[in-house]
Amino acid sequence: MPGISDIPVEVFEQICSQLRCNDDEVDEKEWIACQSTLLSICRVSKAFHKLAKPYLYRQIFLVADNHSGTKFFSLVRALVSQPTLSQQVQSLRISHAQTYYSDDGNWRDYRRYRTPCSIEDWDFLTNAVKDRLPWFTFVPRDPIWETTNITISEIADRNFDIECALQNLLYAHLPNLSILHFSVRVLEDRPLSGWEAYISQTRGCNNFVLCVREHFQQVKKLFIYGEDAQTPFRLSGMLFYNMSMPSTVTDLCLRNCELVLADAGGSFFPKTWSTKKVSLIDCTMTPDVLSELTNDVFPLEEFEYVVNSKFEDKIALVTAAETIDRPKSYSDSLVDLRLRFRLSDGKPIREDEEPYKPSDFCEFKKLKTLVVHLADFGFHDNPNLTVPAVSTLGFPKSIQDLRVNEVL
């Protein structure tokens, strides 16, 4: 009777491919389900596990409250000790807790700094830094785990050193990383104010030094999103500068965020970025933020703006009329456009909003894919109005892939 070892390699590879989560997937449950299923099958056979390894470790999902905790240490330790594992990782998702950081000198989270890493972890960290990051220097204090006669400022510096070292080691050992997910969990029961948000963002989304960019030259897709749509994650334009991301980033996806400008003016992106795709899903912003967000992206090839949640604060949502002019600025370069301007209950964002028309897309000369929702054209607002067939709406015939969703 044939055993599992007799199954062709192609079949194993097909199974692994089907169980692997899509790299663009943002749903946490999908990530966990796919990896858990694949891992369960790997336990059945050593032969299957050997073939499934490239798929099993192609995506890594880490949930961490901070960048110096046990889980973060464990991941870095695994990557440092297993070079083959480091080579396999192509997609990384970090679910990070965004917490309050005070700037008043009281350091209310002082207790978190009181207990540093263990001596064993410290020895591993310093040795790994010497081997891979010779330019990195720690604040001189020996021993690092000593807590007597140490000032609050020294505790903060020590913790920051450990976080920076771990983050730099993590990305230095991911040479094939091309997709980076930052999933933010807001722990406060209120939106963070300006300074709080700035500090939380820079710490939460990797405030690493410029030297780490040499390890990021292959990252192309960046996802940043809040996990809870009910508690907004405030995302400031200044964040992208602090992240020191490389010019290789082409795709940017923001979800469940409150987008704000860093100051009265400025741009969201460093001039070195070569962003070609911007995706905004359930993001609140003002028209000036949307303008700045797309101002320096040229030539923009793909744009997505989707409102699919029942927001209480509709004033912070950009309407169809306020949005449609932005893609028109890129009519010579856009090839993919996806729009939805209705709330989850099918109602318009504003009661007085004027719907856009199929003729609005006639200016796009290179548009190949257009995804829109029939409700956005206002046909469902009047119950006495007959909804016409899509073929009669007058969309440009040059669009190769036209998808008009008729579901509210």
Foldseek 3Di string as FASTA:
>chain_A
DDDPVPDDLVVLVVVLVVLADDLPDPDPVSRVRSLVVQVVVCVVDVVSVVSNLLSNLQEEEEEDAAQQDPRLLVLLVVLVVDLVSLASHAHYEYEYEQEFADPPPPRPVLVVLQAHDDPVSVVVLVVLCVVQPVVQDADDDPPLRDRPPDDSVRSVSSVVSSSQSSVLSNLQSNQNHAYYHYEYEYPDPAADDLVRLVVRLLRRLPQYDLVSQVSQLRHAEYEYEYPDLVHAREDELCSQVSNNHAQNHAYYEYESHEYDYNDPDDASHDLSHAHQEYAYEQYFADLVNVCRDCVNHPLHAEYYHYAEADDPPLNRHQAPVSPLVSVLVNLAHYAYYEYEQAYNVLHGSDPPDAADALVSNVSRPRHAAYEYEQSSNVQVVDVVHDRDDPVPRDHDPNHNHYHYHDDD
